[in-house]
Protein backbone atom coordinates (compact mmCIF):
# COMPACT_ATOMS: atom_id res chain seq x y z
CA MET A 1 -120.04 -142.62 -139.88
CA GLN A 2 -118.71 -140.25 -137.28
CA ASN A 3 -121.37 -137.68 -138.05
CA LYS A 4 -124.04 -140.27 -137.48
CA ASN A 5 -122.62 -141.27 -134.09
CA THR A 6 -122.38 -137.65 -132.97
CA LYS A 7 -126.00 -136.98 -133.79
CA ASN A 8 -127.07 -140.04 -131.78
CA ARG A 9 -125.15 -138.90 -128.71
CA ASP A 10 -126.73 -135.42 -128.80
CA LYS A 11 -130.16 -136.90 -129.10
CA ILE A 12 -129.62 -139.19 -126.08
CA GLY A 13 -128.33 -136.22 -124.01
CA ARG A 14 -131.41 -134.10 -124.74
CA ILE A 15 -133.65 -137.02 -123.73
CA LYS A 16 -131.81 -137.38 -120.42
CA ILE A 17 -132.11 -133.68 -119.62
CA ILE A 18 -135.84 -133.58 -120.42
CA THR A 19 -136.37 -136.72 -118.35
CA LEU A 20 -134.44 -135.25 -115.39
CA LEU A 21 -136.39 -131.94 -115.51
CA SER A 22 -139.67 -133.84 -115.68
CA VAL A 23 -138.74 -135.90 -112.61
CA MET A 24 -137.70 -132.79 -110.67
CA MET A 25 -140.93 -131.00 -111.53
CA MET A 26 -143.03 -133.95 -110.42
CA VAL A 27 -141.13 -134.22 -107.17
CA SER A 28 -141.64 -130.47 -106.53
CA ILE A 29 -145.35 -130.65 -107.25
CA TRP A 30 -145.71 -133.73 -105.07
CA GLY A 31 -143.85 -132.05 -102.20
CA ARG A 32 -145.98 -128.91 -102.30
CA ALA A 33 -149.11 -130.97 -102.42
CA LYS A 34 -147.95 -132.91 -99.36
CA GLN A 35 -147.00 -129.78 -97.30
CA THR A 36 -150.09 -127.64 -98.06
CA PRO A 37 -153.29 -128.98 -96.45
CA ILE A 38 -156.50 -128.55 -98.29
CA PRO A 39 -158.72 -126.12 -96.33
CA VAL A 40 -162.27 -127.04 -95.50
CA GLN A 41 -163.36 -123.62 -96.72
CA PRO A 42 -161.35 -120.81 -98.21
CA PRO A 43 -159.92 -118.23 -95.67
CA ILE A 44 -161.73 -114.92 -95.27
CA PRO A 45 -159.46 -112.06 -96.33
CA ILE A 46 -158.82 -109.31 -93.67
CA ASN A 47 -159.38 -105.85 -95.11
CA LYS A 48 -158.11 -103.13 -92.70
CA THR A 49 -159.59 -99.68 -93.01
CA GLU A 50 -157.45 -96.66 -93.72
CA ILE A 51 -158.12 -95.36 -90.18
CA GLU A 52 -156.88 -98.63 -88.61
CA VAL A 53 -153.81 -98.65 -90.78
CA ALA A 54 -153.10 -94.99 -89.92
CA ALA A 55 -153.56 -95.73 -86.19
CA GLU A 56 -151.08 -98.59 -86.34
CA ASP A 57 -148.61 -96.45 -88.24
CA SER A 58 -148.93 -93.62 -85.71
CA LYS A 59 -147.92 -95.97 -82.88
CA LYS A 60 -144.89 -97.36 -84.69
CA VAL A 61 -141.48 -95.93 -83.90
CA VAL A 62 -139.68 -95.10 -87.15
CA LEU A 63 -135.99 -94.36 -87.52
CA ASP A 64 -135.52 -91.16 -89.49
CA TYR A 65 -131.78 -90.61 -89.31
CA ALA A 66 -128.50 -91.65 -87.67
CA ASP A 67 -124.86 -90.99 -88.57
CA SER A 68 -124.13 -94.72 -88.28
CA LEU A 69 -126.07 -97.98 -87.89
CA MET A 70 -124.61 -101.28 -86.76
CA PHE A 71 -126.39 -104.63 -86.78
CA ASP A 72 -124.89 -108.06 -86.21
CA GLN A 73 -127.28 -110.98 -86.51
CA ARG A 74 -124.93 -113.25 -84.59
CA ILE A 75 -123.97 -110.90 -81.69
CA ASN A 76 -127.02 -108.59 -81.25
CA PRO A 77 -129.93 -110.19 -83.08
CA ASP A 78 -132.59 -108.15 -81.18
CA TYR A 79 -131.48 -104.58 -81.71
CA GLN A 80 -129.64 -102.14 -83.92
CA ILE A 81 -126.95 -99.80 -82.62
CA LEU A 82 -127.37 -96.20 -83.74
CA LYS A 83 -124.88 -93.39 -83.18
CA GLY A 84 -124.74 -89.68 -83.95
CA ASN A 85 -127.71 -87.29 -84.41
CA VAL A 86 -130.23 -90.06 -83.95
CA LYS A 87 -133.80 -89.13 -84.82
CA PHE A 88 -137.02 -91.15 -84.52
CA HIS A 89 -140.67 -90.30 -84.83
CA ARG A 90 -143.84 -91.89 -83.49
CA GLY A 91 -146.88 -90.26 -85.00
CA GLY A 92 -146.51 -86.55 -84.21
CA MET A 93 -143.89 -87.13 -81.50
CA LEU A 94 -140.24 -86.62 -82.49
CA MET A 95 -137.43 -88.27 -80.49
CA PHE A 96 -133.76 -87.25 -80.55
CA CYS A 97 -130.62 -88.56 -78.82
CA ASP A 98 -126.87 -89.02 -79.25
CA SER A 99 -127.08 -92.82 -79.49
CA ALA A 100 -129.63 -95.59 -79.15
CA TYR A 101 -130.40 -99.28 -79.16
CA PHE A 102 -133.40 -99.79 -81.42
CA TYR A 103 -135.55 -102.90 -80.88
CA ASP A 104 -137.48 -102.99 -84.11
CA LYS A 105 -139.48 -106.14 -83.31
CA THR A 106 -140.92 -104.71 -80.05
CA ASN A 107 -141.11 -101.13 -81.33
CA SER A 108 -138.87 -100.06 -78.41
CA MET A 109 -135.55 -98.37 -77.83
CA ASP A 110 -132.93 -97.23 -75.31
CA ALA A 111 -131.78 -93.64 -75.86
CA PHE A 112 -128.59 -92.11 -74.43
CA GLY A 113 -127.29 -88.55 -74.19
CA ASN A 114 -129.16 -85.31 -74.90
CA VAL A 115 -132.47 -87.13 -75.10
CA ARG A 116 -135.26 -84.90 -76.38
CA MET A 117 -138.92 -85.45 -77.21
CA GLU A 118 -140.91 -82.88 -79.17
CA GLN A 119 -144.59 -82.65 -80.01
CA GLY A 120 -145.42 -79.67 -82.17
CA ASP A 121 -144.25 -76.37 -80.74
CA THR A 122 -145.91 -76.85 -77.33
CA LEU A 123 -144.35 -79.90 -75.65
CA PHE A 124 -140.65 -80.55 -75.07
CA VAL A 125 -139.11 -83.21 -72.79
CA PHE A 126 -135.37 -83.43 -72.01
CA SER A 127 -133.33 -86.04 -70.11
CA ASP A 128 -130.00 -87.88 -70.07
CA LEU A 129 -131.50 -91.36 -70.56
CA MET A 130 -134.72 -92.81 -71.86
CA TYR A 131 -136.23 -96.22 -72.45
CA TYR A 132 -139.29 -96.29 -74.69
CA ASP A 133 -141.51 -99.35 -74.25
CA GLY A 134 -143.39 -99.83 -77.51
CA ILE A 135 -145.78 -102.38 -76.04
CA ALA A 136 -146.77 -100.21 -73.04
CA GLU A 137 -146.39 -97.05 -75.14
CA GLU A 138 -144.47 -95.43 -72.31
CA ALA A 139 -141.27 -93.38 -72.23
CA ARG A 140 -139.22 -93.77 -69.03
CA LEU A 141 -136.89 -90.80 -68.73
CA ARG A 142 -134.14 -90.61 -66.15
CA SER A 143 -131.62 -88.04 -64.88
CA ASN A 144 -132.06 -84.27 -65.27
CA VAL A 145 -135.59 -84.56 -66.65
CA ILE A 146 -137.32 -81.36 -67.77
CA LEU A 147 -140.77 -81.18 -69.35
CA GLN A 148 -141.87 -77.88 -70.90
CA ASN A 149 -145.44 -77.23 -71.99
CA ARG A 150 -145.83 -73.56 -72.95
CA ASP A 151 -145.45 -71.66 -69.62
CA VAL A 152 -145.39 -74.85 -67.53
CA THR A 153 -142.10 -76.50 -66.56
CA LEU A 154 -141.84 -79.86 -64.80
CA ILE A 155 -138.49 -80.72 -63.21
CA THR A 156 -137.61 -84.13 -61.75
CA ASP A 157 -135.03 -86.90 -61.84
CA SER A 158 -137.35 -89.70 -62.99
CA LEU A 159 -140.38 -89.29 -65.22
CA ASN A 160 -142.61 -91.91 -66.83
CA TYR A 161 -144.51 -90.49 -69.78
CA GLU A 162 -147.47 -92.45 -71.17
CA LEU A 163 -147.92 -91.34 -74.75
CA GLU A 164 -151.38 -92.75 -75.36
CA PRO A 165 -153.24 -90.87 -72.56
CA ASN A 166 -150.54 -88.15 -72.82
CA VAL A 167 -149.75 -88.10 -69.09
CA GLY A 168 -146.40 -87.85 -67.35
CA TYR A 169 -145.76 -88.74 -63.72
CA TYR A 170 -142.83 -88.67 -61.32
CA PHE A 171 -142.43 -90.64 -58.11
CA THR A 172 -139.08 -89.71 -56.55
CA GLY A 173 -139.79 -86.01 -56.01
CA GLY A 174 -140.30 -83.20 -58.44
CA ARG A 175 -141.74 -79.74 -59.01
CA ILE A 176 -143.95 -77.92 -61.49
CA VAL A 177 -143.55 -74.20 -62.14
CA ASP A 178 -145.98 -71.96 -64.05
CA SER A 179 -146.57 -68.21 -64.31
CA GLN A 180 -148.26 -68.05 -60.89
CA ASN A 181 -147.03 -70.84 -58.65
CA GLU A 182 -144.36 -73.38 -57.89
CA LEU A 183 -145.52 -76.79 -56.68
CA GLU A 184 -143.40 -79.56 -55.17
CA SER A 185 -144.25 -83.09 -54.06
CA VAL A 186 -142.93 -86.62 -53.77
CA TYR A 187 -145.34 -87.92 -56.45
CA GLY A 188 -146.93 -85.90 -59.21
CA GLU A 189 -148.83 -86.28 -62.48
CA TYR A 190 -149.24 -83.78 -65.32
CA CYS A 191 -151.44 -83.93 -68.43
CA PRO A 192 -150.60 -81.36 -71.15
CA ASP A 193 -154.01 -81.83 -72.79
CA THR A 194 -156.12 -80.91 -69.75
CA LYS A 195 -153.43 -78.80 -67.99
CA GLU A 196 -154.29 -80.70 -64.82
CA ALA A 197 -151.69 -81.82 -62.30
CA ILE A 198 -152.14 -84.13 -59.31
CA PHE A 199 -149.75 -84.14 -56.35
CA TYR A 200 -149.33 -86.54 -53.43
CA TYR A 201 -147.16 -86.57 -50.30
CA GLU A 202 -145.37 -83.54 -48.86
CA VAL A 203 -147.03 -81.15 -51.29
CA THR A 204 -146.17 -77.43 -51.21
CA LEU A 205 -147.56 -74.61 -53.35
CA THR A 206 -145.66 -71.33 -53.23
CA ASN A 207 -146.42 -67.89 -54.69
CA GLU A 208 -145.75 -64.26 -53.78
CA LYS A 209 -148.72 -64.05 -51.41
CA ALA A 210 -148.92 -67.39 -49.60
CA LYS A 211 -147.54 -70.87 -49.12
CA LEU A 212 -149.70 -74.01 -49.07
CA TYR A 213 -148.88 -77.31 -47.35
CA THR A 214 -150.82 -80.55 -47.85
CA ASP A 215 -150.54 -84.21 -48.84
CA THR A 216 -153.01 -84.28 -51.76
CA LEU A 217 -153.64 -81.49 -54.24
CA ILE A 218 -155.23 -81.17 -57.68
CA TYR A 219 -154.03 -78.14 -59.62
CA ASN A 220 -154.84 -76.69 -63.05
CA THR A 221 -151.96 -74.81 -64.68
CA SER A 222 -154.37 -72.91 -66.95
CA THR A 223 -156.86 -71.63 -64.34
CA HIS A 224 -154.31 -71.69 -61.49
CA ILE A 225 -156.97 -73.15 -59.19
CA ALA A 226 -155.91 -75.69 -56.59
CA GLN A 227 -158.41 -78.28 -55.35
CA ILE A 228 -157.90 -79.08 -51.66
CA GLU A 229 -158.45 -82.79 -51.00
CA SER A 230 -156.70 -83.43 -47.65
CA PRO A 231 -155.77 -81.50 -44.46
CA THR A 232 -154.22 -78.30 -45.79
CA GLU A 233 -152.61 -75.20 -44.32
CA ILE A 234 -152.19 -71.93 -46.25
CA LEU A 235 -149.86 -69.40 -44.61
CA SER A 236 -149.43 -65.70 -45.35
CA ASP A 237 -148.01 -62.66 -43.59
CA SER A 238 -151.37 -61.75 -42.03
CA GLY A 239 -152.63 -65.18 -41.00
CA LYS A 240 -153.43 -68.70 -42.11
CA ILE A 241 -156.15 -70.95 -43.51
CA VAL A 242 -156.71 -74.52 -42.34
CA SER A 243 -158.99 -76.78 -44.38
CA ARG A 244 -159.38 -80.32 -45.64
CA LYS A 245 -161.80 -79.66 -48.51
CA GLY A 246 -162.24 -76.78 -50.94
CA TRP A 247 -160.46 -74.79 -53.62
CA TYR A 248 -157.92 -71.99 -53.78
CA ASN A 249 -157.81 -69.62 -56.78
CA THR A 250 -154.26 -68.29 -56.85
CA ASN A 251 -155.15 -65.72 -59.56
CA ASN A 252 -157.36 -63.62 -57.29
CA ASN A 253 -156.41 -65.17 -53.94
CA ARG A 254 -159.95 -66.41 -53.26
CA THR A 255 -160.85 -69.63 -51.51
CA ALA A 256 -163.93 -71.75 -50.90
CA LEU A 257 -163.56 -73.94 -47.82
CA TYR A 258 -165.77 -76.74 -46.53
CA GLU A 259 -165.99 -79.20 -43.64
CA ARG A 260 -165.31 -76.87 -40.65
CA SER A 261 -162.40 -74.91 -42.04
CA LEU A 262 -160.54 -72.13 -40.22
CA VAL A 263 -159.49 -68.68 -41.41
CA GLN A 264 -157.17 -66.75 -39.11
CA HIS A 265 -156.42 -63.08 -39.74
CA ASN A 266 -154.51 -61.09 -37.15
CA SER A 267 -156.51 -61.55 -33.92
CA TYR A 268 -159.64 -62.95 -35.63
CA HIS A 269 -160.35 -66.68 -36.02
CA LEU A 270 -163.27 -67.72 -38.28
CA THR A 271 -164.65 -71.25 -38.34
CA GLY A 272 -167.73 -72.55 -40.14
CA ASP A 273 -169.21 -75.32 -42.25
CA THR A 274 -168.57 -73.29 -45.42
CA ILE A 275 -166.29 -70.27 -45.84
CA PHE A 276 -165.87 -68.09 -48.92
CA TYR A 277 -162.80 -65.95 -48.36
CA ASP A 278 -161.34 -63.17 -50.52
CA ARG A 279 -157.86 -62.55 -49.13
CA ASP A 280 -156.99 -59.61 -51.43
CA ASN A 281 -160.13 -57.68 -50.50
CA GLY A 282 -160.06 -58.96 -46.94
CA PHE A 283 -163.62 -60.26 -46.97
CA GLY A 284 -165.07 -63.54 -45.76
CA ASN A 285 -168.55 -65.11 -45.75
CA VAL A 286 -169.17 -67.94 -43.27
CA TYR A 287 -172.16 -70.32 -43.32
CA GLY A 288 -173.30 -72.91 -40.80
CA SER A 289 -172.27 -73.21 -37.13
CA VAL A 290 -170.17 -70.06 -37.26
CA PHE A 291 -167.52 -69.56 -34.59
CA MET A 292 -165.71 -66.22 -34.69
CA GLN A 293 -163.17 -65.34 -31.99
CA ASP A 294 -161.37 -62.07 -31.30
CA THR A 295 -158.36 -63.31 -29.35
CA LEU A 296 -157.18 -59.75 -28.62
CA HIS A 297 -160.36 -58.70 -26.82
CA ASN A 298 -161.35 -62.25 -25.80
CA VAL A 299 -164.75 -62.02 -27.46
CA ILE A 300 -166.54 -64.88 -29.24
CA LEU A 301 -169.32 -64.54 -31.83
CA LYS A 302 -171.54 -67.45 -32.88
CA GLY A 303 -174.36 -67.88 -35.37
CA ASN A 304 -175.34 -69.58 -38.61
CA TYR A 305 -174.18 -66.81 -40.93
CA ALA A 306 -171.39 -64.29 -40.58
CA TYR A 307 -169.12 -62.05 -42.58
CA TYR A 308 -165.79 -60.48 -41.73
CA TYR A 309 -164.25 -57.41 -43.40
CA GLU A 310 -160.56 -56.97 -42.68
CA LYS A 311 -160.09 -53.40 -43.95
CA ASN A 312 -162.16 -51.86 -41.16
CA ASP A 313 -161.88 -54.90 -38.89
CA SER A 314 -165.65 -55.41 -38.84
CA ALA A 315 -167.84 -58.47 -38.50
CA MET A 316 -171.52 -59.36 -38.55
CA VAL A 317 -173.30 -62.46 -37.23
CA THR A 318 -176.96 -63.40 -37.61
CA ASP A 319 -179.30 -66.41 -37.35
CA SER A 320 -179.09 -67.53 -33.70
CA ALA A 321 -176.44 -64.89 -33.11
CA LEU A 322 -174.55 -65.04 -29.81
CA MET A 323 -171.76 -62.93 -28.36
CA MET A 324 -169.71 -64.09 -25.40
CA ASP A 325 -167.47 -61.56 -23.66
CA CYS A 326 -164.92 -63.74 -21.87
CA SER A 327 -162.63 -60.91 -20.82
CA GLN A 328 -163.66 -61.29 -17.17
CA LYS A 329 -164.22 -64.23 -14.87
CA ASP A 330 -167.98 -63.82 -15.25
CA THR A 331 -168.80 -64.22 -18.96
CA LEU A 332 -171.44 -62.02 -20.57
CA PHE A 333 -173.80 -63.88 -22.95
CA LEU A 334 -175.63 -61.64 -25.45
CA HIS A 335 -178.18 -62.63 -28.10
CA ALA A 336 -179.93 -60.61 -30.78
CA ASP A 337 -181.27 -61.16 -34.27
CA THR A 338 -178.11 -59.51 -35.62
CA LEU A 339 -174.77 -58.66 -34.03
CA ARG A 340 -172.24 -56.29 -35.58
CA THR A 341 -168.79 -55.22 -34.48
CA ILE A 342 -166.49 -52.64 -36.08
CA MET A 343 -163.14 -51.03 -35.31
CA LEU A 344 -163.37 -47.21 -35.24
CA PRO A 345 -160.64 -44.83 -36.49
CA ASP A 346 -159.47 -44.20 -32.92
CA SER A 347 -158.92 -47.99 -32.53
CA SER A 348 -161.90 -48.30 -30.20
CA ARG A 349 -164.52 -50.96 -30.93
CA LEU A 350 -168.21 -50.43 -31.63
CA MET A 351 -170.62 -53.32 -31.14
CA LYS A 352 -174.31 -53.26 -32.10
CA ALA A 353 -177.05 -55.74 -31.24
CA TYR A 354 -180.52 -55.61 -32.82
CA PHE A 355 -183.34 -56.71 -32.71
CA ASN A 356 -184.86 -58.64 -29.73
CA THR A 357 -181.72 -58.21 -27.67
CA ARG A 358 -181.28 -60.27 -24.50
CA PHE A 359 -178.19 -60.77 -22.32
CA TYR A 360 -177.22 -62.65 -19.21
CA ARG A 361 -174.42 -62.43 -16.69
CA GLU A 362 -174.55 -63.50 -13.06
CA ASP A 363 -174.51 -59.92 -11.74
CA ILE A 364 -176.75 -58.32 -14.39
CA GLN A 365 -179.38 -59.36 -16.95
CA GLY A 366 -181.22 -57.29 -19.51
CA VAL A 367 -183.59 -57.09 -22.48
CA CYS A 368 -184.23 -54.38 -25.07
CA ASP A 369 -184.85 -53.97 -28.76
CA SER A 370 -181.40 -52.68 -29.71
CA MET A 371 -178.10 -52.11 -27.96
CA VAL A 372 -174.80 -50.35 -28.78
CA PHE A 373 -171.50 -50.85 -26.98
CA THR A 374 -168.42 -48.66 -27.39
CA SER A 375 -165.09 -49.70 -25.92
CA ALA A 376 -163.83 -46.10 -25.86
CA ASP A 377 -165.99 -45.26 -22.83
CA SER A 378 -166.90 -48.86 -21.88
CA ALA A 379 -170.57 -47.92 -22.25
CA ILE A 380 -173.56 -50.04 -23.20
CA ASN A 381 -176.54 -48.07 -24.57
CA MET A 382 -179.88 -49.88 -24.53
CA TYR A 383 -182.75 -48.57 -26.70
CA ARG A 384 -186.47 -49.19 -27.07
CA ASN A 385 -188.09 -50.66 -23.96
CA PRO A 386 -184.87 -51.52 -22.10
CA VAL A 387 -185.04 -53.42 -18.80
CA ILE A 388 -182.16 -54.61 -16.58
CA TRP A 389 -182.05 -56.67 -13.39
CA ASN A 390 -179.53 -56.92 -10.55
CA THR A 391 -180.39 -59.50 -7.88
CA ASN A 392 -184.00 -58.53 -6.94
CA TYR A 393 -183.66 -54.99 -8.30
CA GLN A 394 -185.30 -54.02 -11.63
CA ILE A 395 -184.70 -50.86 -13.68
CA PHE A 396 -186.42 -49.72 -16.88
CA GLY A 397 -186.79 -46.47 -18.80
CA ASP A 398 -186.64 -44.78 -22.19
CA THR A 399 -182.90 -45.38 -22.56
CA ILE A 400 -180.44 -47.14 -20.28
CA LYS A 401 -176.70 -46.50 -20.32
CA ILE A 402 -174.50 -49.03 -18.56
CA TYR A 403 -170.91 -48.05 -17.79
CA LEU A 404 -168.37 -50.76 -17.17
CA ASN A 405 -165.09 -50.71 -15.30
CA ASP A 406 -162.80 -53.50 -16.54
CA SER A 407 -165.97 -55.20 -17.87
CA THR A 408 -167.57 -55.07 -14.42
CA ILE A 409 -170.73 -52.99 -14.03
CA ASP A 410 -169.83 -49.61 -12.51
CA ARG A 411 -172.97 -47.48 -12.92
CA VAL A 412 -176.30 -47.39 -14.76
CA HIS A 413 -177.70 -44.08 -16.02
CA ILE A 414 -181.29 -43.52 -17.20
CA PRO A 415 -181.26 -39.94 -18.56
CA SER A 416 -184.97 -39.47 -19.34
CA PHE A 417 -187.82 -41.35 -17.76
CA ALA A 418 -186.62 -43.92 -15.20
CA PHE A 419 -188.29 -46.47 -12.94
CA ALA A 420 -186.68 -48.79 -10.38
CA ALA A 421 -188.40 -51.46 -8.32
CA GLN A 422 -187.34 -53.99 -5.70
CA GLN A 423 -189.56 -56.88 -4.73
CA LYS A 424 -190.08 -57.16 -0.95
CA ASP A 425 -192.97 -59.60 -0.84
CA THR A 426 -195.44 -61.21 -3.20
CA ALA A 427 -197.44 -57.98 -3.53
CA PHE A 428 -195.07 -55.41 -2.02
CA PHE A 429 -192.48 -53.59 -4.15
CA ASN A 430 -190.22 -50.69 -3.24
CA GLN A 431 -190.51 -48.24 -6.13
CA ILE A 432 -188.69 -45.12 -7.33
CA THR A 433 -189.35 -43.06 -10.46
CA GLY A 434 -188.06 -39.76 -11.79
CA LYS A 435 -186.73 -37.94 -14.80
CA ASP A 436 -183.07 -38.86 -14.32
CA MET A 437 -181.63 -41.79 -12.35
CA LEU A 438 -178.03 -42.85 -11.67
CA ASN A 439 -177.39 -46.24 -10.06
CA ARG A 440 -173.89 -46.92 -8.72
CA PHE A 441 -172.60 -50.45 -8.17
CA LYS A 442 -169.86 -51.94 -6.02
CA ASP A 443 -168.50 -55.45 -6.66
CA GLY A 444 -171.37 -56.07 -9.05
CA LYS A 445 -174.14 -55.09 -6.59
CA LEU A 446 -176.21 -51.92 -6.24
CA ARG A 447 -174.68 -49.49 -3.75
CA GLN A 448 -176.23 -46.04 -4.40
CA VAL A 449 -179.20 -44.54 -6.25
CA ASP A 450 -179.47 -40.84 -7.21
CA VAL A 451 -182.75 -39.55 -8.72
CA SER A 452 -183.68 -36.03 -9.81
CA GLY A 453 -186.84 -34.45 -11.22
CA ASN A 454 -190.40 -35.33 -10.18
CA VAL A 455 -189.27 -38.04 -7.77
CA GLN A 456 -191.99 -40.42 -6.62
CA THR A 457 -191.45 -43.29 -4.20
CA ILE A 458 -193.21 -46.15 -2.48
CA PHE A 459 -191.40 -47.94 0.36
CA TYR A 460 -192.41 -50.60 2.83
CA PRO A 461 -190.55 -49.97 6.11
CA GLN A 462 -189.82 -53.08 8.21
CA GLU A 463 -189.18 -53.85 11.84
CA GLU A 464 -186.06 -55.70 12.95
CA ASP A 465 -187.98 -58.94 12.67
CA SER A 466 -188.79 -58.04 9.01
CA THR A 467 -192.43 -57.22 9.83
CA PHE A 468 -193.88 -54.58 7.50
CA THR A 469 -195.07 -51.45 9.32
CA GLY A 470 -196.89 -49.80 6.44
CA LEU A 471 -196.64 -48.16 3.01
CA ASN A 472 -194.69 -44.89 2.70
CA ASN A 473 -195.65 -42.85 -0.38
CA ALA A 474 -193.52 -39.70 -0.86
CA THR A 475 -192.58 -37.15 -3.55
CA SER A 476 -189.73 -34.66 -3.84
CA GLY A 477 -187.34 -33.01 -6.28
CA PHE A 478 -184.28 -35.17 -5.46
CA LEU A 479 -183.49 -38.50 -3.83
CA LYS A 480 -180.37 -40.30 -2.66
CA MET A 481 -180.50 -43.89 -1.41
CA TYR A 482 -177.74 -46.16 -0.08
CA MET A 483 -177.98 -49.94 -0.24
CA ASP A 484 -176.26 -52.68 1.75
CA THR A 485 -174.36 -54.72 -0.89
CA LEU A 486 -174.49 -57.86 1.24
CA SER A 487 -178.21 -57.94 2.05
CA SER A 488 -179.42 -55.78 -0.89
CA GLU A 489 -181.51 -53.84 1.66
CA MET A 490 -181.80 -50.05 1.97
CA GLU A 491 -179.43 -48.50 4.51
CA LYS A 492 -180.34 -44.81 4.23
CA LEU A 493 -182.76 -42.64 2.25
CA ILE A 494 -182.49 -38.87 1.74
CA MET A 495 -185.11 -36.76 -0.11
CA TRP A 496 -185.04 -32.97 -0.63
CA PRO A 497 -185.77 -30.05 -0.79
CA GLN A 498 -189.51 -30.35 -0.18
CA VAL A 499 -190.90 -33.72 0.66
CA GLU A 500 -194.56 -34.61 0.66
CA GLY A 501 -195.77 -38.01 1.71
CA ILE A 502 -198.10 -40.20 3.63
CA MET A 503 -197.69 -43.34 5.70
CA THR A 504 -200.46 -45.90 5.31
CA PRO A 505 -200.72 -48.80 7.81
CA ILE A 506 -200.67 -52.26 6.32
CA SER A 507 -204.25 -52.92 7.31
CA LYS A 508 -205.50 -49.82 5.47
CA ILE A 509 -203.61 -50.31 2.20
CA LYS A 510 -205.91 -50.45 -0.81
CA PRO A 511 -204.99 -52.23 -4.08
CA LYS A 512 -204.76 -48.89 -5.92
CA ASP A 513 -202.15 -47.71 -3.39
CA LEU A 514 -199.73 -50.59 -3.97
CA TYR A 515 -198.09 -49.28 -7.13
CA LEU A 516 -197.02 -46.05 -8.75
CA PRO A 517 -198.79 -45.30 -12.06
CA SER A 518 -195.83 -46.35 -14.22
CA PHE A 519 -195.04 -49.53 -12.27
CA ARG A 520 -194.38 -52.69 -14.31
CA TRP A 521 -192.78 -55.92 -13.13
CA TYR A 522 -191.09 -57.75 -16.03
CA GLU A 523 -189.80 -60.79 -14.20
CA ALA A 524 -191.51 -63.09 -16.74
CA ILE A 525 -189.16 -61.94 -19.52
CA ARG A 526 -186.00 -61.87 -17.42
CA PRO A 527 -183.21 -64.15 -18.76
CA THR A 528 -182.62 -66.88 -16.18
CA ASP A 529 -179.38 -68.33 -17.61
CA LYS A 530 -177.12 -68.24 -20.68
CA HIS A 531 -179.48 -70.52 -22.62
CA ASP A 532 -182.60 -68.50 -21.81
CA ILE A 533 -181.37 -65.52 -23.83
CA PHE A 534 -182.62 -67.32 -26.97
CA ARG A 535 -186.20 -67.42 -25.67
CA LYS A 536 -188.61 -65.44 -27.84
CA ILE A 537 -190.86 -63.01 -25.96
CA GLU A 538 -194.33 -62.64 -27.47
CA GLU A 539 -195.94 -59.24 -27.08
CA LYS A 540 -199.52 -59.22 -25.78
CA SER A 541 -201.78 -57.21 -28.06
CA SER A 542 -204.93 -56.95 -25.94
CA VAL A 543 -206.39 -53.51 -25.26
CA GLU A 544 -206.11 -54.09 -21.50
CA GLU A 545 -202.42 -54.90 -21.70
CA THR A 546 -201.85 -51.92 -24.00
CA LYS A 547 -203.39 -49.62 -21.39
CA LYS A 548 -201.20 -51.11 -18.68
CA ARG A 549 -197.97 -50.71 -20.57
CA ARG A 550 -196.43 -47.31 -20.54
CA LYS A 551 -195.85 -45.81 -23.97
CA PHE A 552 -192.09 -45.48 -24.04
CA SER A 553 -190.67 -42.70 -26.18
CA THR A 554 -188.63 -44.04 -29.07
CA GLN A 555 -185.05 -42.94 -29.30
CA VAL A 556 -183.59 -43.32 -32.76
CA GLU A 557 -180.19 -44.90 -32.81
CA THR A 558 -177.68 -42.27 -33.89
CA GLN A 559 -175.09 -44.76 -35.09
CA PRO A 560 -175.70 -46.26 -38.56
CA ARG A 561 -176.42 -49.99 -38.57
């Protein structure tokens, strides 16, 4: 009986258990059915490519090692505390520190003590502190920051390094040092990939040869070329450069300067629209509105092209070339197709002007084909059809040599054929010609004339009321004439040893008697002011004019051009 009761109880128990499990299963299925909505259409699976997965992995900061790790969900739920030999990596960038807070959810961290970032064997960054922002992908390094990229070292106190474009920048002052230069500024950027650095505010570039000051500078640590982007001054022992646009190659000390830059070397100042300057070789090319000033000798050269060579202190100007000698109160203005100046071994200066040379000063004006000036003897040598004027007095000849005294005309020597004329009236000209003529000046005006060799003269004597009495035509071996410097009239005339002549009354003068055979009056080509020296003189080619003009002998310039 007992066995039968026991079997019944076991059977009832199994039924209850099966019933309870069935109820629980139904409840579970009903609950899941209630919580999971039925989609209108099945979701489209997202299949990421291997490249996308690799890119995401390369941006993720991964903890490689730490001596200890602490994490308390209740106290610090957002970060882990790492201590001792901490090492992370993000793609190819390794990160080291003594300790760190690691924010795994935001892919960020705070690093403390002996912070170091390494990328391959080319890029190393050191600091005391660092915060890495995983969202912005930027490392913010503070205190004793040093970035090393091969031979480039960046030193600052605060550096933000953007890993994605691979650019670091400082903003509280810093410097970059490479094999050639040291650069300092308030703000700076450096990109290891391109080797390009950008500097703003109180920028200085220093090397063994020069020092550069500016507010904006672009510099390449590979080529060592600095791009000038704002008013800049480059100083050296021998001078300075002032520019606001251009480039400076610190390897070979060459510069290209634009927008009216200035190069100053010793006593020379060069200004132009564009300047190419080689400081090591001491050579400069200047283009456009050239202004070249010798402050020692107070001489200015202008033109549209020029070069300057420091080693022999020489310069050349062409294309609307102009020289202004400002050493005296009365400035001399000289124009020619080309102007050259050079310092000779004895420290004297040689200046050449050719071709179509014209000059103007209040006391003297002149034209010729070519002209040479030497400061050693203060002499101006005029070649090929030279003509000069002083007041109403004209002199021409084969060659004219002008001697200056403190830049004031002292005497004029015509050593071969010489002809002097002074206009007295519309048709009357006093005339003197001979083989050799020396004209002496006082206070910038003709005082004395000495002529020797085949002297021929025509003079028009005048009464006290300025009435002409006749034409005096005379010849001799020598002549000496004195002039009144106030009135520019003849005071005394001496001719010797044998004088032959004839006096012709005004009423009996014939046209053929008015002029000596070599007489020419060149007033039409005379420079009238400092602007007129640029006037081009066209030669008349008619047979008649050719017969009139005397065939001047050509003297070859002995000095090389």
